[in-house]
Every structure is written in structure tokens, then in C-alpha cells.
Amino acid sequence: MKRILTALLAAGTLAGAALATSAPAEAYWRGGWGWGLGGFAAGALIGGALAAPYYNPYGYYGYYAPYPYPPPCVWRNVWNGYAWVRACV
């Protein structure tokens, strides 16, 4: 019973605060672009700088040595901590 009363009191407090602090909506043109156009321009500049291709003077991949072939697979029974299982070792 105590929890229900606490929940109702909290819900009533939040509803009262929401009603007391609400204001009517104002949907009219104020004549300026504000942060919208400036934010769009800044985002476009920063995004363009981050998306620019990276210049690598040694080519795209550089020098790399091919990996040797892996050793052949040998199937054996191994203990994995719970049961014996068949695994490539």
C-alpha cells in the first residue's frame, strides 16, 4: 500500500509540474536562419574533411609479404573442460 501511495504522489507531482511549466506553442517565422544554417554548414565542412581520402605515398596497400600456408589440420579428441570433443589441432 505504501508503494502505491508513493507512486501516485510522484505521478501527481510530475503532472502538476508539467502543467505549471507548460507554455503555448509559437509557430511563426522570426525572419532568421539562426543556428540551423550555420550548423548545417559546419557539419558539411567537418564531414567533408573527415570523409576526404587519405593520401598514402606508398600506394594503397604498401609492401606486404604473403603469409605461408598454415600447417595441415590433424583431427584429435581434446578435452574442453566439460567433455571430449573432436577438434582440428
PDB file of N, CA and C in Angstrom:
ATOM      1  N   MET A   1       0.822  -1.189   0.000  1.00  0.00           N
ATOM      2  CA  MET A   1       0.000   0.000   0.000  1.00  0.00           C
ATOM      3  C   MET A   1       0.871   1.259   0.000  1.00  0.00           C
ATOM      4  N   LYS A   2       1.993   1.149   0.706  1.00  0.00           N
ATOM      5  CA  LYS A   2       2.886   2.296   0.785  1.00  0.00           C
ATOM      6  C   LYS A   2       3.478   2.628  -0.583  1.00  0.00           C
ATOM      7  N   ARG A   3       3.801   1.590  -1.368  1.00  0.00           N
ATOM      8  CA  ARG A   3       4.367   1.812  -2.698  1.00  0.00           C
ATOM      9  C   ARG A   3       3.358   2.457  -3.639  1.00  0.00           C
ATOM     10  N   ILE A   4       2.115   2.043  -3.557  1.00  0.00           N
ATOM     11  CA  ILE A   4       1.080   2.608  -4.420  1.00  0.00           C
ATOM     12  C   ILE A   4       0.891   4.089  -4.114  1.00  0.00           C
ATOM     13  N   LEU A   5       0.843   4.441  -2.835  1.00  0.00           N
ATOM     14  CA  LEU A   5       0.687   5.846  -2.459  1.00  0.00           C
ATOM     15  C   LEU A   5       1.891   6.680  -2.893  1.00  0.00           C
ATOM     16  N   THR A   6       3.077   6.103  -2.764  1.00  0.00           N
ATOM     17  CA  THR A   6       4.282   6.814  -3.201  1.00  0.00           C
ATOM     18  C   THR A   6       4.265   7.026  -4.707  1.00  0.00           C
ATOM     19  N   ALA A   7       3.858   6.009  -5.463  1.00  0.00           N
ATOM     20  CA  ALA A   7       3.784   6.132  -6.923  1.00  0.00           C
ATOM     21  C   ALA A   7       2.743   7.166  -7.331  1.00  0.00           C
ATOM     22  N   LEU A   8       1.591   7.169  -6.693  1.00  0.00           N
ATOM     23  CA  LEU A   8       0.546   8.160  -7.005  1.00  0.00           C
ATOM     24  C   LEU A   8       1.004   9.573  -6.662  1.00  0.00           C
ATOM     25  N   LEU A   9       1.683   9.727  -5.550  1.00  0.00           N
ATOM     26  CA  LEU A   9       2.189  11.044  -5.168  1.00  0.00           C
ATOM     27  C   LEU A   9       3.237  11.532  -6.172  1.00  0.00           C
ATOM     28  N   ALA A  10       4.137  10.637  -6.612  1.00  0.00           N
ATOM     29  CA  ALA A  10       5.155  11.017  -7.594  1.00  0.00           C
ATOM     30  C   ALA A  10       4.507  11.368  -8.929  1.00  0.00           C
ATOM     31  N   ALA A  11       3.524  10.580  -9.375  1.00  0.00           N
ATOM     32  CA  ALA A  11       2.846  10.863 -10.637  1.00  0.00           C
ATOM     33  C   ALA A  11       2.096  12.191 -10.560  1.00  0.00           C
ATOM     34  N   GLY A  12       1.450  12.465  -9.451  1.00  0.00           N
ATOM     35  CA  GLY A  12       0.738  13.736  -9.288  1.00  0.00           C
ATOM     36  C   GLY A  12       1.684  14.922  -9.276  1.00  0.00           C
ATOM     37  N   THR A  13       2.826  14.763  -8.639  1.00  0.00           N
ATOM     38  CA  THR A  13       3.820  15.839  -8.603  1.00  0.00           C
ATOM     39  C   THR A  13       4.362  16.134  -9.996  1.00  0.00           C
ATOM     40  N   LEU A  14       4.676  15.072 -10.749  1.00  0.00           N
ATOM     41  CA  LEU A  14       5.175  15.270 -12.107  1.00  0.00           C
ATOM     42  C   LEU A  14       4.120  15.882 -13.015  1.00  0.00           C
ATOM     43  N   ALA A  15       2.874  15.458 -12.886  1.00  0.00           N
ATOM     44  CA  ALA A  15       1.810  16.024 -13.716  1.00  0.00           C
ATOM     45  C   ALA A  15       1.592  17.491 -13.376  1.00  0.00           C
ATOM     46  N   GLY A  16       1.619  17.829 -12.112  1.00  0.00           N
ATOM     47  CA  GLY A  16       1.462  19.231 -11.709  1.00  0.00           C
ATOM     48  C   GLY A  16       2.608  20.093 -12.202  1.00  0.00           C
ATOM     49  N   ALA A  17       3.823  19.580 -12.141  1.00  0.00           N
ATOM     50  CA  ALA A  17       4.970  20.343 -12.627  1.00  0.00           C
ATOM     51  C   ALA A  17       4.897  20.523 -14.137  1.00  0.00           C
ATOM     52  N   ALA A  18       4.427  19.504 -14.852  1.00  0.00           N
ATOM     53  CA  ALA A  18       4.308  19.618 -16.305  1.00  0.00           C
ATOM     54  C   ALA A  18       3.262  20.655 -16.693  1.00  0.00           C
ATOM     55  N   LEU A  19       2.176  20.697 -15.983  1.00  0.00           N
ATOM     56  CA  LEU A  19       1.136  21.690 -16.279  1.00  0.00           C
ATOM     57  C   LEU A  19       1.573  23.100 -15.897  1.00  0.00           C
ATOM     58  N   ALA A  20       2.301  23.224 -14.808  1.00  0.00           N
ATOM     59  CA  ALA A  20       2.707  24.551 -14.341  1.00  0.00           C
ATOM     60  C   ALA A  20       3.779  25.171 -15.226  1.00  0.00           C
ATOM     61  N   THR A  21       4.609  24.356 -15.856  1.00  0.00           N
ATOM     62  CA  THR A  21       5.712  24.898 -16.643  1.00  0.00           C
ATOM     63  C   THR A  21       5.441  24.885 -18.139  1.00  0.00           C
ATOM     64  N   SER A  22       4.265  24.447 -18.562  1.00  0.00           N
ATOM     65  CA  SER A  22       3.991  24.400 -19.996  1.00  0.00           C
ATOM     66  C   SER A  22       3.664  25.794 -20.519  1.00  0.00           C
ATOM     67  N   ALA A  23       3.973  26.019 -21.792  1.00  0.00           N
ATOM     68  CA  ALA A  23       3.715  27.305 -22.445  1.00  0.00           C
ATOM     69  C   ALA A  23       3.066  27.026 -23.795  1.00  0.00           C
ATOM     70  N   PRO A  24       2.327  27.977 -24.332  1.00  0.00           N
ATOM     71  CA  PRO A  24       1.699  27.751 -25.638  1.00  0.00           C
ATOM     72  C   PRO A  24       2.756  27.677 -26.747  1.00  0.00           C
ATOM     73  N   ALA A  25       2.435  26.923 -27.779  1.00  0.00           N
ATOM     74  CA  ALA A  25       3.356  26.781 -28.899  1.00  0.00           C
ATOM     75  C   ALA A  25       3.340  28.039 -29.747  1.00  0.00           C
ATOM     76  N   GLU A  26       4.500  28.472 -30.191  1.00  0.00           N
ATOM     77  CA  GLU A  26       4.611  29.662 -31.034  1.00  0.00           C
ATOM     78  C   GLU A  26       5.195  29.232 -32.371  1.00  0.00           C
ATOM     79  N   ALA A  27       4.342  29.110 -33.382  1.00  0.00           N
ATOM     80  CA  ALA A  27       4.776  28.652 -34.692  1.00  0.00           C
ATOM     81  C   ALA A  27       4.697  29.814 -35.683  1.00  0.00           C
ATOM     82  N   TYR A  28       5.649  30.683 -35.620  1.00  0.00           N
ATOM     83  CA  TYR A  28       5.692  31.780 -36.590  1.00  0.00           C
ATOM     84  C   TYR A  28       7.139  32.022 -36.994  1.00  0.00           C
ATOM     85  N   TRP A  29       7.304  32.633 -38.155  1.00  0.00           N
ATOM     86  CA  TRP A  29       8.627  32.890 -38.717  1.00  0.00           C
ATOM     87  C   TRP A  29       9.236  34.101 -38.052  1.00  0.00           C
ATOM     88  N   ARG A  30      10.440  33.942 -37.550  1.00  0.00           N
ATOM     89  CA  ARG A  30      11.102  35.052 -36.872  1.00  0.00           C
ATOM     90  C   ARG A  30      12.038  35.810 -37.804  1.00  0.00           C
ATOM     91  N   GLY A  31      12.176  35.361 -39.035  1.00  0.00           N
ATOM     92  CA  GLY A  31      12.938  36.118 -40.007  1.00  0.00           C
ATOM     93  C   GLY A  31      14.413  35.792 -40.088  1.00  0.00           C
ATOM     94  N   GLY A  32      14.916  34.809 -39.390  1.00  0.00           N
ATOM     95  CA  GLY A  32      16.338  34.485 -39.453  1.00  0.00           C
ATOM     96  C   GLY A  32      16.545  32.989 -39.543  1.00  0.00           C
ATOM     97  N   TRP A  33      17.752  32.607 -39.926  1.00  0.00           N
ATOM     98  CA  TRP A  33      18.059  31.187 -40.038  1.00  0.00           C
ATOM     99  C   TRP A  33      18.638  30.644 -38.738  1.00  0.00           C
ATOM    100  N   GLY A  34      19.123  31.487 -37.878  1.00  0.00           N
ATOM    101  CA  GLY A  34      19.612  31.045 -36.573  1.00  0.00           C
ATOM    102  C   GLY A  34      20.738  30.039 -36.679  1.00  0.00           C
ATOM    103  N   TRP A  35      20.716  29.062 -35.819  1.00  0.00           N
ATOM    104  CA  TRP A  35      21.762  28.044 -35.784  1.00  0.00           C
ATOM    105  C   TRP A  35      21.561  26.981 -36.854  1.00  0.00           C
ATOM    106  N   GLY A  36      20.407  26.944 -37.475  1.00  0.00           N
ATOM    107  CA  GLY A  36      20.130  25.890 -38.452  1.00  0.00           C
ATOM    108  C   GLY A  36      21.071  25.910 -39.630  1.00  0.00           C
ATOM    109  N   LEU A  37      21.183  27.055 -40.300  1.00  0.00           N
ATOM    110  CA  LEU A  37      22.034  27.141 -41.483  1.00  0.00           C
ATOM    111  C   LEU A  37      23.514  27.071 -41.103  1.00  0.00           C
ATOM    112  N   GLY A  38      23.893  27.734 -40.018  1.00  0.00           N
ATOM    113  CA  GLY A  38      25.289  27.682 -39.562  1.00  0.00           C
ATOM    114  C   GLY A  38      25.686  26.274 -39.131  1.00  0.00           C
ATOM    115  N   GLY A  39      24.799  25.571 -38.449  1.00  0.00           N
ATOM    116  CA  GLY A  39      25.079  24.202 -38.029  1.00  0.00           C
ATOM    117  C   GLY A  39      25.185  23.260 -39.212  1.00  0.00           C
ATOM    118  N   PHE A  40      24.327  23.486 -40.206  1.00  0.00           N
ATOM    119  CA  PHE A  40      24.396  22.661 -41.416  1.00  0.00           C
ATOM    120  C   PHE A  40      25.719  22.882 -42.137  1.00  0.00           C
ATOM    121  N   ALA A  41      26.135  24.149 -42.255  1.00  0.00           N
ATOM    122  CA  ALA A  41      27.393  24.458 -42.935  1.00  0.00           C
ATOM    123  C   ALA A  41      28.587  23.882 -42.171  1.00  0.00           C
ATOM    124  N   ALA A  42      28.576  24.030 -40.852  1.00  0.00           N
ATOM    125  CA  ALA A  42      29.681  23.486 -40.057  1.00  0.00           C
ATOM    126  C   ALA A  42      29.734  21.967 -40.171  1.00  0.00           C
ATOM    127  N   GLY A  43      28.581  21.309 -40.143  1.00  0.00           N
ATOM    128  CA  GLY A  43      28.549  19.860 -40.284  1.00  0.00           C
ATOM    129  C   GLY A  43      29.030  19.407 -41.644  1.00  0.00           C
ATOM    130  N   ALA A  44      28.668  20.168 -42.694  1.00  0.00           N
ATOM    131  CA  ALA A  44      29.129  19.813 -44.035  1.00  0.00           C
ATOM    132  C   ALA A  44      30.632  19.966 -44.162  1.00  0.00           C
ATOM    133  N   LEU A  45      31.203  21.016 -43.586  1.00  0.00           N
ATOM    134  CA  LEU A  45      32.654  21.213 -43.655  1.00  0.00           C
ATOM    135  C   LEU A  45      33.408  20.144 -42.867  1.00  0.00           C
ATOM    136  N   ILE A  46      32.947  19.865 -41.670  1.00  0.00           N
ATOM    137  CA  ILE A  46      33.625  18.866 -40.842  1.00  0.00           C
ATOM    138  C   ILE A  46      33.472  17.480 -41.456  1.00  0.00           C
ATOM    139  N   GLY A  47      32.268  17.150 -41.941  1.00  0.00           N
ATOM    140  CA  GLY A  47      32.054  15.854 -42.571  1.00  0.00           C
ATOM    141  C   GLY A  47      32.868  15.693 -43.838  1.00  0.00           C
ATOM    142  N   GLY A  48      32.984  16.771 -44.620  1.00  0.00           N
ATOM    143  CA  GLY A  48      33.797  16.703 -45.831  1.00  0.00           C
ATOM    144  C   GLY A  48      35.265  16.515 -45.519  1.00  0.00           C
ATOM    145  N   ALA A  49      35.736  17.145 -44.447  1.00  0.00           N
ATOM    146  CA  ALA A  49      37.142  16.987 -44.068  1.00  0.00           C
ATOM    147  C   ALA A  49      37.417  15.571 -43.565  1.00  0.00           C
ATOM    148  N   LEU A  50      36.478  14.998 -42.831  1.00  0.00           N
ATOM    149  CA  LEU A  50      36.680  13.647 -42.308  1.00  0.00           C
ATOM    150  C   LEU A  50      36.525  12.585 -43.389  1.00  0.00           C
ATOM    151  N   ALA A  51      35.721  12.864 -44.402  1.00  0.00           N
ATOM    152  CA  ALA A  51      35.481  11.876 -45.448  1.00  0.00           C
ATOM    153  C   ALA A  51      36.474  11.997 -46.592  1.00  0.00           C
ATOM    154  N   ALA A  52      37.398  12.954 -46.542  1.00  0.00           N
ATOM    155  CA  ALA A  52      38.379  13.121 -47.612  1.00  0.00           C
ATOM    156  C   ALA A  52      39.266  11.887 -47.684  1.00  0.00           C
ATOM    157  N   PRO A  53      39.689  11.499 -48.881  1.00  0.00           N
ATOM    158  CA  PRO A  53      40.537  10.314 -48.985  1.00  0.00           C
ATOM    159  C   PRO A  53      41.900  10.550 -48.346  1.00  0.00           C
ATOM    160  N   TYR A  54      42.409   9.507 -47.749  1.00  0.00           N
ATOM    161  CA  TYR A  54      43.711   9.573 -47.085  1.00  0.00           C
ATOM    162  C   TYR A  54      44.808   9.402 -48.122  1.00  0.00           C
ATOM    163  N   TYR A  55      45.775  10.274 -48.109  1.00  0.00           N
ATOM    164  CA  TYR A  55      46.877  10.203 -49.076  1.00  0.00           C
ATOM    165  C   TYR A  55      47.982   9.341 -48.502  1.00  0.00           C
ATOM    166  N   ASN A  56      48.324   8.281 -49.213  1.00  0.00           N
ATOM    167  CA  ASN A  56      49.394   7.384 -48.807  1.00  0.00           C
ATOM    168  C   ASN A  56      50.437   7.376 -49.927  1.00  0.00           C
ATOM    169  N   PRO A  57      51.635   7.924 -49.709  1.00  0.00           N
ATOM    170  CA  PRO A  57      52.620   7.999 -50.785  1.00  0.00           C
ATOM    171  C   PRO A  57      53.152   6.637 -51.219  1.00  0.00           C
ATOM    172  N   TYR A  58      52.955   5.587 -50.435  1.00  0.00           N
ATOM    173  CA  TYR A  58      53.479   4.277 -50.772  1.00  0.00           C
ATOM    174  C   TYR A  58      52.428   3.392 -51.444  1.00  0.00           C
ATOM    175  N   GLY A  59      51.348   3.961 -51.888  1.00  0.00           N
ATOM    176  CA  GLY A  59      50.287   3.168 -52.506  1.00  0.00           C
ATOM    177  C   GLY A  59      49.240   2.807 -51.468  1.00  0.00           C
ATOM    178  N   TYR A  60      48.227   2.151 -51.938  1.00  0.00           N
ATOM    179  CA  TYR A  60      47.122   1.842 -51.035  1.00  0.00           C
ATOM    180  C   TYR A  60      47.466   0.790 -50.006  1.00  0.00           C
ATOM    181  N   TYR A  61      48.234  -0.228 -50.418  1.00  0.00           N
ATOM    182  CA  TYR A  61      48.477  -1.330 -49.501  1.00  0.00           C
ATOM    183  C   TYR A  61      49.908  -1.378 -48.990  1.00  0.00           C
ATOM    184  N   GLY A  62      50.819  -0.730 -49.671  1.00  0.00           N
ATOM    185  CA  GLY A  62      52.202  -0.775 -49.242  1.00  0.00           C
ATOM    186  C   GLY A  62      52.802  -2.146 -49.483  1.00  0.00           C
ATOM    187  N   TYR A  63      53.942  -2.405 -48.896  1.00  0.00           N
ATOM    188  CA  TYR A  63      54.606  -3.687 -49.075  1.00  0.00           C
ATOM    189  C   TYR A  63      54.061  -4.678 -48.070  1.00  0.00           C
ATOM    190  N   TYR A  64      53.752  -5.839 -48.539  1.00  0.00           N
ATOM    191  CA  TYR A  64      53.341  -6.885 -47.622  1.00  0.00           C
ATOM    192  C   TYR A  64      53.903  -8.208 -48.112  1.00  0.00           C
ATOM    193  N   ALA A  65      54.272  -9.045 -47.175  1.00  0.00           N
ATOM    194  CA  ALA A  65      54.804 -10.368 -47.522  1.00  0.00           C
ATOM    195  C   ALA A  65      53.654 -11.355 -47.458  1.00  0.00           C
ATOM    196  N   PRO A  66      53.580 -12.244 -48.413  1.00  0.00           N
ATOM    197  CA  PRO A  66      52.496 -13.234 -48.368  1.00  0.00           C
ATOM    198  C   PRO A  66      52.693 -14.178 -47.180  1.00  0.00           C
ATOM    199  N   TYR A  67      51.587 -14.573 -46.570  1.00  0.00           N
ATOM    200  CA  TYR A  67      51.657 -15.467 -45.431  1.00  0.00           C
ATOM    201  C   TYR A  67      51.942 -16.890 -45.910  1.00  0.00           C
ATOM    202  N   PRO A  68      52.717 -17.639 -45.167  1.00  0.00           N
ATOM    203  CA  PRO A  68      52.942 -19.034 -45.561  1.00  0.00           C
ATOM    204  C   PRO A  68      51.658 -19.841 -45.333  1.00  0.00           C
ATOM    205  N   TYR A  69      51.586 -20.958 -45.996  1.00  0.00           N
ATOM    206  CA  TYR A  69      50.414 -21.804 -45.822  1.00  0.00           C
ATOM    207  C   TYR A  69      50.362 -22.323 -44.392  1.00  0.00           C
ATOM    208  N   PRO A  70      49.160 -22.466 -43.843  1.00  0.00           N
ATOM    209  CA  PRO A  70      49.063 -22.988 -42.469  1.00  0.00           C
ATOM    210  C   PRO A  70      49.421 -24.470 -42.439  1.00  0.00           C
ATOM    211  N   PRO A  71      49.801 -24.964 -41.291  1.00  0.00           N
ATOM    212  CA  PRO A  71      50.120 -26.387 -41.204  1.00  0.00           C
ATOM    213  C   PRO A  71      48.854 -27.211 -41.447  1.00  0.00           C
ATOM    214  N   PRO A  72      49.027 -28.458 -41.868  1.00  0.00           N
ATOM    215  CA  PRO A  72      47.846 -29.284 -42.137  1.00  0.00           C
ATOM    216  C   PRO A  72      47.068 -29.547 -40.859  1.00  0.00           C
ATOM    217  N   CYS A  73      45.790 -29.734 -41.035  1.00  0.00           N
ATOM    218  CA  CYS A  73      44.903 -29.952 -39.894  1.00  0.00           C
ATOM    219  C   CYS A  73      44.943 -31.419 -39.488  1.00  0.00           C
ATOM    220  N   VAL A  74      45.083 -31.666 -38.178  1.00  0.00           N
ATOM    221  CA  VAL A  74      45.063 -33.030 -37.644  1.00  0.00           C
ATOM    222  C   VAL A  74      43.907 -33.094 -36.658  1.00  0.00           C
ATOM    223  N   TRP A  75      42.937 -33.968 -36.937  1.00  0.00           N
ATOM    224  CA  TRP A  75      41.765 -34.090 -36.064  1.00  0.00           C
ATOM    225  C   TRP A  75      42.107 -34.996 -34.888  1.00  0.00           C
ATOM    226  N   ARG A  76      41.861 -34.465 -33.685  1.00  0.00           N
ATOM    227  CA  ARG A  76      42.136 -35.223 -32.463  1.00  0.00           C
ATOM    228  C   ARG A  76      41.017 -34.987 -31.468  1.00  0.00           C
ATOM    229  N   ASN A  77      40.923 -35.879 -30.494  1.00  0.00           N
ATOM    230  CA  ASN A  77      39.970 -35.698 -29.398  1.00  0.00           C
ATOM    231  C   ASN A  77      40.643 -34.854 -28.328  1.00  0.00           C
ATOM    232  N   VAL A  78      39.995 -33.755 -27.934  1.00  0.00           N
ATOM    233  CA  VAL A  78      40.540 -32.871 -26.900  1.00  0.00           C
ATOM    234  C   VAL A  78      39.488 -32.637 -25.830  1.00  0.00           C
ATOM    235  N   TRP A  79      39.954 -32.365 -24.632  1.00  0.00           N
ATOM    236  CA  TRP A  79      39.062 -32.086 -23.501  1.00  0.00           C
ATOM    237  C   TRP A  79      38.859 -30.578 -23.421  1.00  0.00           C
ATOM    238  N   ASN A  80      37.596 -30.103 -23.510  1.00  0.00           N
ATOM    239  CA  ASN A  80      37.335 -28.671 -23.467  1.00  0.00           C
ATOM    240  C   ASN A  80      36.907 -28.189 -22.084  1.00  0.00           C
ATOM    241  N   GLY A  81      37.023 -29.015 -21.095  1.00  0.00           N
ATOM    242  CA  GLY A  81      36.651 -28.639 -19.738  1.00  0.00           C
ATOM    243  C   GLY A  81      35.330 -29.246 -19.312  1.00  0.00           C
ATOM    244  N   TYR A  82      34.540 -29.686 -20.284  1.00  0.00           N
ATOM    245  CA  TYR A  82      33.246 -30.278 -19.981  1.00  0.00           C
ATOM    246  C   TYR A  82      33.106 -31.670 -20.584  1.00  0.00           C
ATOM    247  N   ALA A  83      33.662 -31.852 -21.779  1.00  0.00           N
ATOM    248  CA  ALA A  83      33.512 -33.135 -22.458  1.00  0.00           C
ATOM    249  C   ALA A  83      34.622 -33.289 -23.479  1.00  0.00           C
ATOM    250  N   TRP A  84      34.792 -34.523 -23.964  1.00  0.00           N
ATOM    251  CA  TRP A  84      35.728 -34.772 -25.030  1.00  0.00           C
ATOM    252  C   TRP A  84      35.075 -34.371 -26.352  1.00  0.00           C
ATOM    253  N   VAL A  85      35.754 -33.554 -27.147  1.00  0.00           N
ATOM    254  CA  VAL A  85      35.232 -33.116 -28.443  1.00  0.00           C
ATOM    255  C   VAL A  85      36.307 -33.337 -29.500  1.00  0.00           C
ATOM    256  N   ARG A  86      35.877 -33.415 -30.747  1.00  0.00           N
ATOM    257  CA  ARG A  86      36.788 -33.605 -31.863  1.00  0.00           C
ATOM    258  C   ARG A  86      37.158 -32.224 -32.392  1.00  0.00           C
ATOM    259  N   ALA A  87      38.460 -31.922 -32.536  1.00  0.00           N
ATOM    260  CA  ALA A  87      38.913 -30.603 -32.955  1.00  0.00           C
ATOM    261  C   ALA A  87      40.126 -30.723 -33.852  1.00  0.00           C
ATOM    262  N   CYS A  88      40.303 -29.729 -34.672  1.00  0.00           N
ATOM    263  CA  CYS A  88      41.465 -29.642 -35.547  1.00  0.00           C
ATOM    264  C   CYS A  88      42.601 -29.001 -34.760  1.00  0.00           C
ATOM    265  N   VAL A  89      43.656 -29.745 -34.543  1.00  0.00           N
ATOM    266  CA  VAL A  89      44.778 -29.231 -33.732  1.00  0.00           C
ATOM    267  C   VAL A  89      45.978 -29.035 -34.608  1.00  0.00           C
TER     268      VAL A  89
END
